[in-house]
């Protein structure tokens, strides 16, 4: 499917722009006395494989 998404009328179910099923993930947060830590954040060493993180010119190919 296409990487862009759409929501169904239930405003919960997400599909790709061409109607195929999709998956999503959410971040896990740890609230501490000094603030919030994102436990599922990307690391500087994480692979750059997500199209929405690439410049627009790279996505148009």
N, C-alpha and C. Protein backbone atom coordinates (compact mmCIF):
# COMPACT_ATOMS: atom_id res chain seq x y z
N UNK A 1 0.81 -1.20 0.00
CA UNK A 1 0.00 0.00 0.00
C UNK A 1 0.85 1.26 0.00
N UNK A 2 0.19 2.35 -0.26
CA UNK A 2 0.85 3.65 -0.21
C UNK A 2 1.18 4.01 1.22
N UNK A 3 2.22 4.82 1.43
CA UNK A 3 2.63 5.14 2.79
C UNK A 3 1.73 6.20 3.42
N UNK A 4 0.97 6.95 2.63
CA UNK A 4 0.05 7.93 3.22
C UNK A 4 -1.16 7.19 3.80
N UNK A 5 -1.84 7.83 4.75
CA UNK A 5 -2.91 7.12 5.44
C UNK A 5 -4.24 7.87 5.37
N UNK A 6 -5.29 7.13 5.70
CA UNK A 6 -6.65 7.67 5.83
C UNK A 6 -7.30 6.99 7.03
N UNK A 7 -8.28 7.67 7.62
CA UNK A 7 -9.06 7.08 8.71
C UNK A 7 -10.43 6.70 8.20
N UNK A 8 -10.96 5.60 8.69
CA UNK A 8 -12.34 5.24 8.39
C UNK A 8 -13.27 6.18 9.14
N UNK A 9 -14.57 6.16 8.82
CA UNK A 9 -15.53 7.03 9.51
C UNK A 9 -15.57 6.84 11.03
N UNK A 10 -15.11 5.68 11.52
CA UNK A 10 -15.11 5.47 12.98
C UNK A 10 -14.02 6.29 13.67
N UNK A 11 -13.18 7.00 12.86
CA UNK A 11 -12.10 7.85 13.36
C UNK A 11 -11.09 7.08 14.23
N UNK A 12 -10.97 5.79 14.00
CA UNK A 12 -10.03 4.96 14.74
C UNK A 12 -9.25 4.05 13.80
N UNK A 13 -9.97 3.40 12.87
CA UNK A 13 -9.34 2.46 11.96
C UNK A 13 -8.53 3.20 10.91
N UNK A 14 -7.25 2.87 10.82
CA UNK A 14 -6.36 3.50 9.85
C UNK A 14 -6.06 2.54 8.71
N UNK A 15 -6.08 3.05 7.50
CA UNK A 15 -5.72 2.28 6.31
C UNK A 15 -4.76 3.13 5.49
N UNK A 16 -4.11 2.51 4.52
CA UNK A 16 -3.26 3.28 3.62
C UNK A 16 -4.15 4.08 2.68
N UNK A 17 -3.58 5.08 1.99
CA UNK A 17 -4.36 5.94 1.10
C UNK A 17 -5.06 5.15 0.00
N UNK A 18 -4.51 4.00 -0.39
CA UNK A 18 -5.16 3.18 -1.40
C UNK A 18 -6.06 2.10 -0.80
N UNK A 19 -6.38 2.23 0.50
CA UNK A 19 -7.37 1.37 1.14
C UNK A 19 -6.86 0.07 1.74
N UNK A 20 -5.57 -0.17 1.69
CA UNK A 20 -5.03 -1.41 2.27
C UNK A 20 -4.87 -1.25 3.79
N UNK A 21 -4.83 -2.37 4.46
CA UNK A 21 -4.68 -2.34 5.92
C UNK A 21 -3.32 -1.80 6.31
N UNK A 22 -3.26 -1.22 7.49
CA UNK A 22 -2.00 -0.66 7.96
C UNK A 22 -1.80 -1.02 9.43
N UNK A 23 -0.65 -0.70 9.93
CA UNK A 23 -0.34 -0.90 11.35
C UNK A 23 0.19 0.41 11.90
N UNK A 24 0.04 0.59 13.18
CA UNK A 24 0.58 1.79 13.81
C UNK A 24 1.27 1.41 15.10
N UNK A 25 2.06 2.32 15.60
CA UNK A 25 2.67 2.10 16.90
C UNK A 25 2.62 3.40 17.67
N UNK A 26 2.67 3.29 18.95
CA UNK A 26 2.65 4.46 19.81
C UNK A 26 3.87 4.42 20.71
N UNK A 27 4.27 5.57 21.19
CA UNK A 27 5.42 5.63 22.09
C UNK A 27 5.02 5.26 23.51
N UNK A 28 5.95 4.67 24.23
CA UNK A 28 5.78 4.38 25.65
C UNK A 28 6.55 5.44 26.42
N UNK A 29 5.87 6.11 27.34
CA UNK A 29 6.47 7.20 28.11
C UNK A 29 6.66 6.79 29.55
N UNK A 30 7.74 7.25 30.14
CA UNK A 30 8.01 7.04 31.56
C UNK A 30 8.02 8.41 32.22
N UNK A 31 7.08 8.63 33.14
CA UNK A 31 7.00 9.90 33.86
C UNK A 31 7.86 9.78 35.11
N UNK A 32 8.82 10.68 35.24
CA UNK A 32 9.73 10.67 36.39
C UNK A 32 9.59 11.98 37.16
N UNK A 33 10.26 12.08 38.27
CA UNK A 33 10.21 13.31 39.05
C UNK A 33 10.79 14.49 38.29
N UNK A 34 11.71 14.22 37.38
CA UNK A 34 12.36 15.32 36.65
C UNK A 34 11.80 15.55 35.25
N UNK A 35 10.82 14.78 34.83
CA UNK A 35 10.24 14.97 33.50
C UNK A 35 9.72 13.69 32.90
N UNK A 36 9.80 13.61 31.59
CA UNK A 36 9.28 12.47 30.85
C UNK A 36 10.39 11.89 29.98
N UNK A 37 10.47 10.57 29.94
CA UNK A 37 11.44 9.89 29.08
C UNK A 37 10.67 9.04 28.08
N UNK A 38 10.97 9.19 26.80
CA UNK A 38 10.33 8.39 25.76
C UNK A 38 11.11 7.09 25.63
N UNK A 39 10.52 6.00 26.09
CA UNK A 39 11.21 4.71 26.11
C UNK A 39 11.32 4.08 24.72
N UNK A 40 10.43 4.47 23.81
CA UNK A 40 10.43 3.87 22.48
C UNK A 40 10.93 4.85 21.42
N UNK A 41 11.67 5.87 21.81
CA UNK A 41 12.18 6.86 20.85
C UNK A 41 13.22 6.24 19.92
N UNK A 42 13.34 6.81 18.74
CA UNK A 42 14.39 6.38 17.81
C UNK A 42 15.74 6.78 18.38
N UNK A 43 16.71 5.95 18.17
CA UNK A 43 18.08 6.24 18.59
C UNK A 43 18.83 6.86 17.41
N UNK A 44 19.90 7.60 17.68
CA UNK A 44 20.70 8.12 16.57
C UNK A 44 21.20 7.00 15.64
N UNK A 45 21.35 5.81 16.18
CA UNK A 45 21.82 4.68 15.37
C UNK A 45 20.69 3.90 14.69
N UNK A 46 19.43 4.32 14.88
CA UNK A 46 18.30 3.63 14.25
C UNK A 46 18.38 3.78 12.74
N UNK A 47 18.02 2.73 11.98
CA UNK A 47 18.08 2.82 10.52
C UNK A 47 17.09 3.85 9.99
N UNK A 48 17.44 4.52 8.92
CA UNK A 48 16.59 5.53 8.30
C UNK A 48 15.78 4.88 7.19
N UNK A 49 14.76 4.13 7.58
CA UNK A 49 13.98 3.37 6.59
C UNK A 49 12.55 3.87 6.44
N UNK A 50 12.17 4.92 7.14
CA UNK A 50 10.79 5.39 7.12
C UNK A 50 10.64 6.54 6.14
N UNK A 51 9.77 6.43 5.11
CA UNK A 51 9.67 7.46 4.09
C UNK A 51 9.28 8.83 4.63
N UNK A 52 8.51 8.88 5.69
CA UNK A 52 8.07 10.17 6.22
C UNK A 52 9.20 10.91 6.95
N UNK A 53 10.33 10.28 7.18
CA UNK A 53 11.47 10.93 7.80
C UNK A 53 12.47 11.44 6.76
N UNK A 54 12.23 11.13 5.49
CA UNK A 54 13.15 11.54 4.43
C UNK A 54 12.68 12.85 3.81
N UNK A 55 13.58 13.62 3.22
CA UNK A 55 13.18 14.88 2.56
C UNK A 55 12.14 14.63 1.48
N UNK A 56 11.29 15.62 1.22
CA UNK A 56 10.20 15.48 0.24
C UNK A 56 10.72 15.05 -1.13
N UNK A 57 11.87 15.54 -1.56
CA UNK A 57 12.40 15.17 -2.87
C UNK A 57 12.70 13.68 -2.97
N UNK A 58 13.10 13.06 -1.87
CA UNK A 58 13.38 11.62 -1.86
C UNK A 58 12.09 10.82 -1.91
N UNK A 59 10.98 11.37 -1.37
CA UNK A 59 9.70 10.66 -1.35
C UNK A 59 9.02 10.67 -2.70
N UNK A 60 9.36 11.60 -3.59
CA UNK A 60 8.66 11.74 -4.86
C UNK A 60 9.18 10.82 -5.95
N UNK A 61 10.20 10.03 -5.66
CA UNK A 61 10.78 9.13 -6.67
C UNK A 61 9.93 7.91 -6.87
